[in-house]
Amino acid sequence: MHGEARVEWLEGRAFLMQRATADHPDAPDSLWVIGPGPDGLQVDYFDSRGVRRVYATSLRDGELRFWRAAPGFSQRFLGRISADGREIDGLWQLSTDDATWNDDLRMRFRRR
């Protein structure tokens, strides 16, 4: 599956926005708003299905992480940023029992 993500600062540079689309009919279009939250950096996620989610996030030592705990549908992402900063190679994982993690979606972002 291929897609595109466009990233830009909201005016004032307090929030970073990512709009994503994919060429697969089951993949929703999405908007990510990344900025400060009550417990540090967070992502507010919205998609074309009407889904809204909130993720904690961190960026440290070349690793980008997102995670959220939700009974029956917890998620986490680990993306490793390439040395030249042009790619992020990552994996989303899903837990439906809050104990076992299964690979869900592998992603690679490439800067144009």
PDB file of N, CA and C in Angstrom:
ATOM      1  N   MET A   1       0.846  -1.160   0.000  1.00  0.00           N
ATOM      2  CA  MET A   1       0.000   0.000   0.000  1.00  0.00           C
ATOM      3  C   MET A   1       0.900   1.234   0.000  1.00  0.00           C
ATOM      4  N   HIS A   2       0.529   2.219  -0.755  1.00  0.00           N
ATOM      5  CA  HIS A   2       1.270   3.476  -0.811  1.00  0.00           C
ATOM      6  C   HIS A   2       0.382   4.594  -0.293  1.00  0.00           C
ATOM      7  N   GLY A   3       1.011   5.628   0.188  1.00  0.00           N
ATOM      8  CA  GLY A   3       0.264   6.776   0.669  1.00  0.00           C
ATOM      9  C   GLY A   3       1.152   7.990   0.697  1.00  0.00           C
ATOM     10  N   GLU A   4       0.596   9.057   1.216  1.00  0.00           N
ATOM     11  CA  GLU A   4       1.336  10.304   1.306  1.00  0.00           C
ATOM     12  C   GLU A   4       0.979  10.988   2.617  1.00  0.00           C
ATOM     13  N   ALA A   5       1.978  11.583   3.234  1.00  0.00           N
ATOM     14  CA  ALA A   5       1.774  12.359   4.456  1.00  0.00           C
ATOM     15  C   ALA A   5       2.408  13.724   4.243  1.00  0.00           C
ATOM     16  N   ARG A   6       1.653  14.751   4.535  1.00  0.00           N
ATOM     17  CA  ARG A   6       2.164  16.120   4.449  1.00  0.00           C
ATOM     18  C   ARG A   6       2.229  16.681   5.865  1.00  0.00           C
ATOM     19  N   VAL A   7       3.371  17.244   6.199  1.00  0.00           N
ATOM     20  CA  VAL A   7       3.599  17.750   7.545  1.00  0.00           C
ATOM     21  C   VAL A   7       3.868  19.243   7.455  1.00  0.00           C
ATOM     22  N   GLU A   8       3.194  20.011   8.338  1.00  0.00           N
ATOM     23  CA  GLU A   8       3.412  21.453   8.367  1.00  0.00           C
ATOM     24  C   GLU A   8       3.099  21.991   9.757  1.00  0.00           C
ATOM     25  N   TRP A   9       3.708  23.109  10.076  1.00  0.00           N
ATOM     26  CA  TRP A   9       3.437  23.778  11.339  1.00  0.00           C
ATOM     27  C   TRP A   9       2.129  24.540  11.238  1.00  0.00           C
ATOM     28  N   LEU A  10       1.353  24.521  12.300  1.00  0.00           N
ATOM     29  CA  LEU A  10       0.216  25.409  12.439  1.00  0.00           C
ATOM     30  C   LEU A  10       0.785  26.797  12.695  1.00  0.00           C
ATOM     31  N   GLU A  11       0.122  27.820  12.194  1.00  0.00           N
ATOM     32  CA  GLU A  11       0.609  29.184  12.392  1.00  0.00           C
ATOM     33  C   GLU A  11       0.928  29.406  13.869  1.00  0.00           C
ATOM     34  N   GLY A  12       2.079  29.980  14.147  1.00  0.00           N
ATOM     35  CA  GLY A  12       2.542  30.181  15.515  1.00  0.00           C
ATOM     36  C   GLY A  12       3.500  29.085  15.968  1.00  0.00           C
ATOM     37  N   ARG A  13       3.558  27.983  15.242  1.00  0.00           N
ATOM     38  CA  ARG A  13       4.485  26.874  15.471  1.00  0.00           C
ATOM     39  C   ARG A  13       4.313  26.193  16.830  1.00  0.00           C
ATOM     40  N   ALA A  14       3.121  26.257  17.402  1.00  0.00           N
ATOM     41  CA  ALA A  14       2.866  25.563  18.660  1.00  0.00           C
ATOM     42  C   ALA A  14       2.469  24.113  18.418  1.00  0.00           C
ATOM     43  N   PHE A  15       1.929  23.840  17.233  1.00  0.00           N
ATOM     44  CA  PHE A  15       1.472  22.493  16.892  1.00  0.00           C
ATOM     45  C   PHE A  15       1.966  22.130  15.503  1.00  0.00           C
ATOM     46  N   LEU A  16       2.302  20.847  15.348  1.00  0.00           N
ATOM     47  CA  LEU A  16       2.698  20.295  14.059  1.00  0.00           C
ATOM     48  C   LEU A  16       1.532  19.458  13.557  1.00  0.00           C
ATOM     49  N   MET A  17       1.152  19.630  12.297  1.00  0.00           N
ATOM     50  CA  MET A  17       0.035  18.884  11.723  1.00  0.00           C
ATOM     51  C   MET A  17       0.526  17.941  10.638  1.00  0.00           C
ATOM     52  N   GLN A  18      -0.021  16.735  10.623  1.00  0.00           N
ATOM     53  CA  GLN A  18       0.259  15.775   9.560  1.00  0.00           C
ATOM     54  C   GLN A  18      -1.071  15.328   8.966  1.00  0.00           C
ATOM     55  N   ARG A  19      -1.204  15.477   7.661  1.00  0.00           N
ATOM     56  CA  ARG A  19      -2.372  14.977   6.942  1.00  0.00           C
ATOM     57  C   ARG A  19      -1.904  13.798   6.103  1.00  0.00           C
ATOM     58  N   ALA A  20      -2.593  12.667   6.228  1.00  0.00           N
ATOM     59  CA  ALA A  20      -2.159  11.452   5.536  1.00  0.00           C
ATOM     60  C   ALA A  20      -3.299  10.855   4.728  1.00  0.00           C
ATOM     61  N   THR A  21      -2.941  10.332   3.555  1.00  0.00           N
ATOM     62  CA  THR A  21      -3.871   9.600   2.701  1.00  0.00           C
ATOM     63  C   THR A  21      -3.166   8.334   2.231  1.00  0.00           C
ATOM     64  N   ALA A  22      -3.950   7.330   1.894  1.00  0.00           N
ATOM     65  CA  ALA A  22      -3.393   6.079   1.370  1.00  0.00           C
ATOM     66  C   ALA A  22      -4.226   5.649   0.175  1.00  0.00           C
ATOM     67  N   ASP A  23      -3.624   4.830  -0.687  1.00  0.00           N
ATOM     68  CA  ASP A  23      -4.313   4.402  -1.898  1.00  0.00           C
ATOM     69  C   ASP A  23      -5.083   3.092  -1.716  1.00  0.00           C
ATOM     70  N   HIS A  24      -5.342   2.704  -0.487  1.00  0.00           N
ATOM     71  CA  HIS A  24      -6.106   1.480  -0.216  1.00  0.00           C
ATOM     72  C   HIS A  24      -7.490   1.876   0.304  1.00  0.00           C
ATOM     73  N   PRO A  25      -8.549   1.245  -0.193  1.00  0.00           N
ATOM     74  CA  PRO A  25      -9.901   1.666   0.216  1.00  0.00           C
ATOM     75  C   PRO A  25     -10.202   1.466   1.700  1.00  0.00           C
ATOM     76  N   ASP A  26      -9.488   0.578   2.391  1.00  0.00           N
ATOM     77  CA  ASP A  26      -9.730   0.358   3.812  1.00  0.00           C
ATOM     78  C   ASP A  26      -8.920   1.292   4.717  1.00  0.00           C
ATOM     79  N   ALA A  27      -8.022   2.064   4.135  1.00  0.00           N
ATOM     80  CA  ALA A  27      -7.181   2.958   4.930  1.00  0.00           C
ATOM     81  C   ALA A  27      -7.818   4.348   4.954  1.00  0.00           C
ATOM     82  N   PRO A  28      -8.152   4.848   6.133  1.00  0.00           N
ATOM     83  CA  PRO A  28      -8.804   6.156   6.215  1.00  0.00           C
ATOM     84  C   PRO A  28      -7.817   7.301   6.005  1.00  0.00           C
ATOM     85  N   ASP A  29      -8.306   8.429   5.525  1.00  0.00           N
ATOM     86  CA  ASP A  29      -7.520   9.661   5.537  1.00  0.00           C
ATOM     87  C   ASP A  29      -7.445  10.112   6.986  1.00  0.00           C
ATOM     88  N   SER A  30      -6.344  10.769   7.353  1.00  0.00           N
ATOM     89  CA  SER A  30      -6.203  11.149   8.757  1.00  0.00           C
ATOM     90  C   SER A  30      -5.532  12.504   8.925  1.00  0.00           C
ATOM     91  N   LEU A  31      -5.763  13.071  10.083  1.00  0.00           N
ATOM     92  CA  LEU A  31      -5.121  14.307  10.523  1.00  0.00           C
ATOM     93  C   LEU A  31      -4.528  14.042  11.892  1.00  0.00           C
ATOM     94  N   TRP A  32      -3.239  14.336  12.034  1.00  0.00           N
ATOM     95  CA  TRP A  32      -2.537  14.206  13.309  1.00  0.00           C
ATOM     96  C   TRP A  32      -2.156  15.615  13.746  1.00  0.00           C
ATOM     97  N   VAL A  33      -2.465  15.968  14.987  1.00  0.00           N
ATOM     98  CA  VAL A  33      -2.054  17.245  15.551  1.00  0.00           C
ATOM     99  C   VAL A  33      -1.121  16.920  16.714  1.00  0.00           C
ATOM    100  N   ILE A  34       0.136  17.331  16.573  1.00  0.00           N
ATOM    101  CA  ILE A  34       1.183  16.973  17.523  1.00  0.00           C
ATOM    102  C   ILE A  34       1.579  18.228  18.301  1.00  0.00           C
ATOM    103  N   GLY A  35       1.554  18.123  19.625  1.00  0.00           N
ATOM    104  CA  GLY A  35       1.907  19.277  20.436  1.00  0.00           C
ATOM    105  C   GLY A  35       1.896  18.940  21.903  1.00  0.00           C
ATOM    106  N   PRO A  36       2.002  19.976  22.745  1.00  0.00           N
ATOM    107  CA  PRO A  36       2.051  19.739  24.186  1.00  0.00           C
ATOM    108  C   PRO A  36       0.716  19.232  24.716  1.00  0.00           C
ATOM    109  N   GLY A  37       0.816  18.328  25.689  1.00  0.00           N
ATOM    110  CA  GLY A  37      -0.365  17.799  26.367  1.00  0.00           C
ATOM    111  C   GLY A  37      -0.138  17.832  27.863  1.00  0.00           C
ATOM    112  N   PRO A  38      -1.070  17.341  28.641  1.00  0.00           N
ATOM    113  CA  PRO A  38      -0.942  17.405  30.095  1.00  0.00           C
ATOM    114  C   PRO A  38       0.217  16.584  30.660  1.00  0.00           C
ATOM    115  N   ASP A  39       0.650  15.537  29.935  1.00  0.00           N
ATOM    116  CA  ASP A  39       1.733  14.673  30.422  1.00  0.00           C
ATOM    117  C   ASP A  39       2.940  14.690  29.504  1.00  0.00           C
ATOM    118  N   GLY A  40       3.134  15.765  28.750  1.00  0.00           N
ATOM    119  CA  GLY A  40       4.237  15.844  27.796  1.00  0.00           C
ATOM    120  C   GLY A  40       3.698  15.953  26.380  1.00  0.00           C
ATOM    121  N   LEU A  41       4.501  15.561  25.432  1.00  0.00           N
ATOM    122  CA  LEU A  41       4.119  15.649  24.025  1.00  0.00           C
ATOM    123  C   LEU A  41       3.035  14.621  23.717  1.00  0.00           C
ATOM    124  N   GLN A  42       1.997  15.036  22.957  1.00  0.00           N
ATOM    125  CA  GLN A  42       0.936  14.105  22.603  1.00  0.00           C
ATOM    126  C   GLN A  42       0.486  14.327  21.165  1.00  0.00           C
ATOM    127  N   VAL A  43      -0.226  13.321  20.655  1.00  0.00           N
ATOM    128  CA  VAL A  43      -0.821  13.369  19.321  1.00  0.00           C
ATOM    129  C   VAL A  43      -2.329  13.244  19.474  1.00  0.00           C
ATOM    130  N   ASP A  44      -3.052  14.159  18.845  1.00  0.00           N
ATOM    131  CA  ASP A  44      -4.502  14.025  18.713  1.00  0.00           C
ATOM    132  C   ASP A  44      -4.748  13.575  17.284  1.00  0.00           C
ATOM    133  N   TYR A  45      -5.355  12.392  17.129  1.00  0.00           N
ATOM    134  CA  TYR A  45      -5.557  11.731  15.832  1.00  0.00           C
ATOM    135  C   TYR A  45      -7.038  11.784  15.479  1.00  0.00           C
ATOM    136  N   PHE A  46      -7.334  12.140  14.240  1.00  0.00           N
ATOM    137  CA  PHE A  46      -8.695  12.164  13.712  1.00  0.00           C
ATOM    138  C   PHE A  46      -8.674  11.507  12.342  1.00  0.00           C
ATOM    139  N   ASP A  47      -9.717  10.748  11.988  1.00  0.00           N
ATOM    140  CA  ASP A  47      -9.727  10.181  10.636  1.00  0.00           C
ATOM    141  C   ASP A  47     -11.101  10.264   9.989  1.00  0.00           C
ATOM    142  N   SER A  48     -11.126   9.895   8.710  1.00  0.00           N
ATOM    143  CA  SER A  48     -12.327  10.042   7.875  1.00  0.00           C
ATOM    144  C   SER A  48     -13.457   9.103   8.281  1.00  0.00           C
ATOM    145  N   ARG A  49     -13.203   8.169   9.188  1.00  0.00           N
ATOM    146  CA  ARG A  49     -14.262   7.295   9.701  1.00  0.00           C
ATOM    147  C   ARG A  49     -14.965   7.924  10.904  1.00  0.00           C
ATOM    148  N   GLY A  50     -14.439   9.067  11.377  1.00  0.00           N
ATOM    149  CA  GLY A  50     -14.973   9.700  12.570  1.00  0.00           C
ATOM    150  C   GLY A  50     -14.273   9.252  13.836  1.00  0.00           C
ATOM    151  N   VAL A  51     -13.151   8.551  13.702  1.00  0.00           N
ATOM    152  CA  VAL A  51     -12.380   8.066  14.852  1.00  0.00           C
ATOM    153  C   VAL A  51     -11.518   9.202  15.400  1.00  0.00           C
ATOM    154  N   ARG A  52     -11.445   9.289  16.731  1.00  0.00           N
ATOM    155  CA  ARG A  52     -10.553  10.221  17.412  1.00  0.00           C
ATOM    156  C   ARG A  52      -9.797   9.435  18.482  1.00  0.00           C
ATOM    157  N   ARG A  53      -8.480   9.615  18.503  1.00  0.00           N
ATOM    158  CA  ARG A  53      -7.643   8.941  19.494  1.00  0.00           C
ATOM    159  C   ARG A  53      -6.592   9.918  19.998  1.00  0.00           C
ATOM    160  N   VAL A  54      -6.097   9.672  21.202  1.00  0.00           N
ATOM    161  CA  VAL A  54      -5.016  10.471  21.773  1.00  0.00           C
ATOM    162  C   VAL A  54      -3.860   9.527  22.094  1.00  0.00           C
ATOM    163  N   TYR A  55      -2.678   9.889  21.616  1.00  0.00           N
ATOM    164  CA  TYR A  55      -1.470   9.092  21.831  1.00  0.00           C
ATOM    165  C   TYR A  55      -0.442   9.914  22.603  1.00  0.00           C
ATOM    166  N   ALA A  56       0.257   9.286  23.521  1.00  0.00           N
ATOM    167  CA  ALA A  56       1.474   9.868  24.085  1.00  0.00           C
ATOM    168  C   ALA A  56       2.556   9.674  23.028  1.00  0.00           C
ATOM    169  N   THR A  57       3.581  10.499  23.069  1.00  0.00           N
ATOM    170  CA  THR A  57       4.636  10.369  22.074  1.00  0.00           C
ATOM    171  C   THR A  57       5.989  10.786  22.653  1.00  0.00           C
ATOM    172  N   SER A  58       7.025  10.248  22.052  1.00  0.00           N
ATOM    173  CA  SER A  58       8.379  10.663  22.420  1.00  0.00           C
ATOM    174  C   SER A  58       9.274  10.569  21.190  1.00  0.00           C
ATOM    175  N   LEU A  59      10.297  11.389  21.189  1.00  0.00           N
ATOM    176  CA  LEU A  59      11.326  11.384  20.145  1.00  0.00           C
ATOM    177  C   LEU A  59      12.658  11.491  20.873  1.00  0.00           C
ATOM    178  N   ARG A  60      13.415  10.387  20.836  1.00  0.00           N
ATOM    179  CA  ARG A  60      14.662  10.340  21.582  1.00  0.00           C
ATOM    180  C   ARG A  60      15.629   9.373  20.914  1.00  0.00           C
ATOM    181  N   ASP A  61      16.872   9.797  20.779  1.00  0.00           N
ATOM    182  CA  ASP A  61      17.948   8.936  20.257  1.00  0.00           C
ATOM    183  C   ASP A  61      17.581   8.293  18.925  1.00  0.00           C
ATOM    184  N   GLY A  62      16.955   9.059  18.048  1.00  0.00           N
ATOM    185  CA  GLY A  62      16.614   8.553  16.714  1.00  0.00           C
ATOM    186  C   GLY A  62      15.413   7.623  16.675  1.00  0.00           C
ATOM    187  N   GLU A  63      14.644   7.551  17.765  1.00  0.00           N
ATOM    188  CA  GLU A  63      13.456   6.700  17.804  1.00  0.00           C
ATOM    189  C   GLU A  63      12.215   7.548  18.073  1.00  0.00           C
ATOM    190  N   LEU A  64      11.223   7.378  17.237  1.00  0.00           N
ATOM    191  CA  LEU A  64       9.932   8.035  17.373  1.00  0.00           C
ATOM    192  C   LEU A  64       8.943   7.002  17.896  1.00  0.00           C
ATOM    193  N   ARG A  65       8.266   7.329  18.999  1.00  0.00           N
ATOM    194  CA  ARG A  65       7.315   6.390  19.609  1.00  0.00           C
ATOM    195  C   ARG A  65       5.962   7.061  19.814  1.00  0.00           C
ATOM    196  N   PHE A  66       4.900   6.280  19.572  1.00  0.00           N
ATOM    197  CA  PHE A  66       3.531   6.658  19.906  1.00  0.00           C
ATOM    198  C   PHE A  66       2.934   5.491  20.684  1.00  0.00           C
ATOM    199  N   TRP A  67       2.059   5.769  21.663  1.00  0.00           N
ATOM    200  CA  TRP A  67       1.407   4.676  22.370  1.00  0.00           C
ATOM    201  C   TRP A  67       0.118   5.180  23.008  1.00  0.00           C
ATOM    202  N   ARG A  68      -0.798   4.246  23.202  1.00  0.00           N
ATOM    203  CA  ARG A  68      -2.031   4.536  23.926  1.00  0.00           C
ATOM    204  C   ARG A  68      -2.559   3.249  24.520  1.00  0.00           C
ATOM    205  N   ALA A  69      -3.099   3.367  25.714  1.00  0.00           N
ATOM    206  CA  ALA A  69      -3.711   2.232  26.398  1.00  0.00           C
ATOM    207  C   ALA A  69      -5.219   2.414  26.339  1.00  0.00           C
ATOM    208  N   ALA A  70      -5.894   1.453  25.724  1.00  0.00           N
ATOM    209  CA  ALA A  70      -7.353   1.468  25.634  1.00  0.00           C
ATOM    210  C   ALA A  70      -7.811   0.023  25.778  1.00  0.00           C
ATOM    211  N   PRO A  71      -8.664  -0.272  26.735  1.00  0.00           N
ATOM    212  CA  PRO A  71      -9.094  -1.660  26.942  1.00  0.00           C
ATOM    213  C   PRO A  71      -9.572  -2.311  25.642  1.00  0.00           C
ATOM    214  N   GLY A  72      -8.938  -3.437  25.302  1.00  0.00           N
ATOM    215  CA  GLY A  72      -9.299  -4.177  24.104  1.00  0.00           C
ATOM    216  C   GLY A  72      -8.704  -3.658  22.810  1.00  0.00           C
ATOM    217  N   PHE A  73      -8.000  -2.498  22.847  1.00  0.00           N
ATOM    218  CA  PHE A  73      -7.436  -1.942  21.611  1.00  0.00           C
ATOM    219  C   PHE A  73      -6.293  -0.981  21.940  1.00  0.00           C
ATOM    220  N   SER A  74      -5.263  -1.475  22.618  1.00  0.00           N
ATOM    221  CA  SER A  74      -4.080  -0.672  22.906  1.00  0.00           C
ATOM    222  C   SER A  74      -3.156  -0.722  21.693  1.00  0.00           C
ATOM    223  N   GLN A  75      -2.440   0.372  21.473  1.00  0.00           N
ATOM    224  CA  GLN A  75      -1.569   0.470  20.307  1.00  0.00           C
ATOM    225  C   GLN A  75      -0.227   1.069  20.706  1.00  0.00           C
ATOM    226  N   ARG A  76       0.803   0.712  19.937  1.00  0.00           N
ATOM    227  CA  ARG A  76       2.110   1.338  20.096  1.00  0.00           C
ATOM    228  C   ARG A  76       2.829   1.311  18.754  1.00  0.00           C
ATOM    229  N   PHE A  77       3.712   2.294  18.571  1.00  0.00           N
ATOM    230  CA  PHE A  77       4.488   2.433  17.341  1.00  0.00           C
ATOM    231  C   PHE A  77       5.919   2.747  17.730  1.00  0.00           C
ATOM    232  N   LEU A  78       6.846   2.104  17.036  1.00  0.00           N
ATOM    233  CA  LEU A  78       8.263   2.430  17.163  1.00  0.00           C
ATOM    234  C   LEU A  78       8.793   2.666  15.765  1.00  0.00           C
ATOM    235  N   GLY A  79       9.305   3.867  15.526  1.00  0.00           N
ATOM    236  CA  GLY A  79       9.908   4.211  14.238  1.00  0.00           C
ATOM    237  C   GLY A  79      11.339   4.631  14.442  1.00  0.00           C
ATOM    238  N   ARG A  80      12.223   4.059  13.655  1.00  0.00           N
ATOM    239  CA  ARG A  80      13.645   4.426  13.733  1.00  0.00           C
ATOM    240  C   ARG A  80      13.960   5.375  12.585  1.00  0.00           C
ATOM    241  N   ILE A  81      14.565   6.492  12.942  1.00  0.00           N
ATOM    242  CA  ILE A  81      14.898   7.528  11.968  1.00  0.00           C
ATOM    243  C   ILE A  81      16.281   7.241  11.405  1.00  0.00           C
ATOM    244  N   SER A  82      16.399   7.291  10.075  1.00  0.00           N
ATOM    245  CA  SER A  82      17.681   7.009   9.426  1.00  0.00           C
ATOM    246  C   SER A  82      18.713   8.071   9.803  1.00  0.00           C
ATOM    247  N   ALA A  83      19.985   7.727   9.639  1.00  0.00           N
ATOM    248  CA  ALA A  83      21.083   8.627  10.015  1.00  0.00           C
ATOM    249  C   ALA A  83      21.002   9.958   9.276  1.00  0.00           C
ATOM    250  N   ASP A  84      20.521   9.937   8.020  1.00  0.00           N
ATOM    251  CA  ASP A  84      20.426  11.185   7.262  1.00  0.00           C
ATOM    252  C   ASP A  84      19.097  11.910   7.495  1.00  0.00           C
ATOM    253  N   GLY A  85      18.214  11.337   8.314  1.00  0.00           N
ATOM    254  CA  GLY A  85      16.947  11.975   8.649  1.00  0.00           C
ATOM    255  C   GLY A  85      15.900  11.956   7.553  1.00  0.00           C
ATOM    256  N   ARG A  86      16.127  11.187   6.488  1.00  0.00           N
ATOM    257  CA  ARG A  86      15.204  11.188   5.347  1.00  0.00           C
ATOM    258  C   ARG A  86      14.179  10.061   5.392  1.00  0.00           C
ATOM    259  N   GLU A  87      14.339   9.100   6.295  1.00  0.00           N
ATOM    260  CA  GLU A  87      13.394   7.979   6.374  1.00  0.00           C
ATOM    261  C   GLU A  87      13.072   7.646   7.829  1.00  0.00           C
ATOM    262  N   ILE A  88      11.859   7.174   8.029  1.00  0.00           N
ATOM    263  CA  ILE A  88      11.453   6.579   9.299  1.00  0.00           C
ATOM    264  C   ILE A  88      10.916   5.202   8.961  1.00  0.00           C
ATOM    265  N   ASP A  89      11.520   4.183   9.522  1.00  0.00           N
ATOM    266  CA  ASP A  89      11.089   2.800   9.318  1.00  0.00           C
ATOM    267  C   ASP A  89      10.445   2.346  10.622  1.00  0.00           C
ATOM    268  N   GLY A  90       9.155   2.006  10.576  1.00  0.00           N
ATOM    269  CA  GLY A  90       8.478   1.725  11.828  1.00  0.00           C
ATOM    270  C   GLY A  90       7.455   0.608  11.767  1.00  0.00           C
ATOM    271  N   LEU A  91       6.957   0.260  12.941  1.00  0.00           N
ATOM    272  CA  LEU A  91       5.997  -0.822  13.085  1.00  0.00           C
ATOM    273  C   LEU A  91       4.955  -0.442  14.130  1.00  0.00           C
ATOM    274  N   TRP A  92       3.686  -0.553  13.752  1.00  0.00           N
ATOM    275  CA  TRP A  92       2.574  -0.433  14.695  1.00  0.00           C
ATOM    276  C   TRP A  92       2.279  -1.812  15.240  1.00  0.00           C
ATOM    277  N   GLN A  93       2.009  -1.868  16.539  1.00  0.00           N
ATOM    278  CA  GLN A  93       1.584  -3.107  17.179  1.00  0.00           C
ATOM    279  C   GLN A  93       0.272  -2.864  17.909  1.00  0.00           C
ATOM    280  N   LEU A  94      -0.497  -3.949  18.077  1.00  0.00           N
ATOM    281  CA  LEU A  94      -1.830  -3.887  18.659  1.00  0.00           C
ATOM    282  C   LEU A  94      -1.962  -4.947  19.746  1.00  0.00           C
ATOM    283  N   SER A  95      -2.629  -4.570  20.840  1.00  0.00           N
ATOM    284  CA  SER A  95      -2.938  -5.531  21.893  1.00  0.00           C
ATOM    285  C   SER A  95      -4.440  -5.489  22.161  1.00  0.00           C
ATOM    286  N   THR A  96      -5.072  -6.649  22.078  1.00  0.00           N
ATOM    287  CA  THR A  96      -6.506  -6.724  22.367  1.00  0.00           C
ATOM    288  C   THR A  96      -6.775  -7.263  23.763  1.00  0.00           C
ATOM    289  N   ASP A  97      -5.714  -7.751  24.447  1.00  0.00           N
ATOM    290  CA  ASP A  97      -5.890  -8.287  25.800  1.00  0.00           C
ATOM    291  C   ASP A  97      -5.019  -7.566  26.839  1.00  0.00           C
ATOM    292  N   ASP A  98      -4.370  -6.484  26.422  1.00  0.00           N
ATOM    293  CA  ASP A  98      -3.501  -5.686  27.291  1.00  0.00           C
ATOM    294  C   ASP A  98      -2.309  -6.468  27.842  1.00  0.00           C
ATOM    295  N   ALA A  99      -1.959  -7.579  27.188  1.00  0.00           N
ATOM    296  CA  ALA A  99      -0.804  -8.372  27.613  1.00  0.00           C
ATOM    297  C   ALA A  99       0.043  -8.801  26.416  1.00  0.00           C
ATOM    298  N   THR A 100      -0.601  -9.245  25.345  1.00  0.00           N
ATOM    299  CA  THR A 100       0.081  -9.758  24.164  1.00  0.00           C
ATOM    300  C   THR A 100       0.077  -8.700  23.069  1.00  0.00           C
ATOM    301  N   TRP A 101       1.250  -8.458  22.483  1.00  0.00           N
ATOM    302  CA  TRP A 101       1.360  -7.480  21.397  1.00  0.00           C
ATOM    303  C   TRP A 101       1.569  -8.211  20.079  1.00  0.00           C
ATOM    304  N   ASN A 102       0.792  -7.831  19.067  1.00  0.00           N
ATOM    305  CA  ASN A 102       0.900  -8.411  17.725  1.00  0.00           C
ATOM    306  C   ASN A 102       1.244  -7.324  16.724  1.00  0.00           C
ATOM    307  N   ASP A 103       2.104  -7.668  15.755  1.00  0.00           N
ATOM    308  CA  ASP A 103       2.420  -6.730  14.688  1.00  0.00           C
ATOM    309  C   ASP A 103       1.146  -6.407  13.922  1.00  0.00           C
ATOM    310  N   ASP A 104       0.950  -5.119  13.630  1.00  0.00           N
ATOM    311  CA  ASP A 104      -0.266  -4.669  12.962  1.00  0.00           C
ATOM    312  C   ASP A 104       0.032  -4.069  11.587  1.00  0.00           C
ATOM    313  N   LEU A 105       0.919  -3.082  11.530  1.00  0.00           N
ATOM    314  CA  LEU A 105       1.182  -2.397  10.268  1.00  0.00           C
ATOM    315  C   LEU A 105       2.612  -1.896  10.239  1.00  0.00           C
ATOM    316  N   ARG A 106       3.374  -2.361   9.259  1.00  0.00           N
ATOM    317  CA  ARG A 106       4.734  -1.868   9.057  1.00  0.00           C
ATOM    318  C   ARG A 106       4.655  -0.659   8.129  1.00  0.00           C
ATOM    319  N   MET A 107       5.416   0.388   8.458  1.00  0.00           N
ATOM    320  CA  MET A 107       5.380   1.620   7.666  1.00  0.00           C
ATOM    321  C   MET A 107       6.796   2.118   7.389  1.00  0.00           C
ATOM    322  N   ARG A 108       6.949   2.757   6.251  1.00  0.00           N
ATOM    323  CA  ARG A 108       8.199   3.453   5.946  1.00  0.00           C
ATOM    324  C   ARG A 108       7.831   4.815   5.362  1.00  0.00           C
ATOM    325  N   PHE A 109       8.321   5.848   6.015  1.00  0.00           N
ATOM    326  CA  PHE A 109       8.128   7.207   5.538  1.00  0.00           C
ATOM    327  C   PHE A 109       9.425   7.645   4.871  1.00  0.00           C
ATOM    328  N   ARG A 110       9.303   8.224   3.681  1.00  0.00           N
ATOM    329  CA  ARG A 110      10.473   8.767   2.966  1.00  0.00           C
ATOM    330  C   ARG A 110      10.212  10.223   2.647  1.00  0.00           C
ATOM    331  N   ARG A 111      11.175  11.067   3.000  1.00  0.00           N
ATOM    332  CA  ARG A 111      11.056  12.498   2.694  1.00  0.00           C
ATOM    333  C   ARG A 111      11.295  12.718   1.206  1.00  0.00           C
ATOM    334  N   ARG A 112      10.451  13.523   0.622  1.00  0.00           N
ATOM    335  CA  ARG A 112      10.638  13.869  -0.802  1.00  0.00           C
ATOM    336  C   ARG A 112      11.562  15.019  -0.955  1.00  0.00           C
TER     337      ARG A 112
END
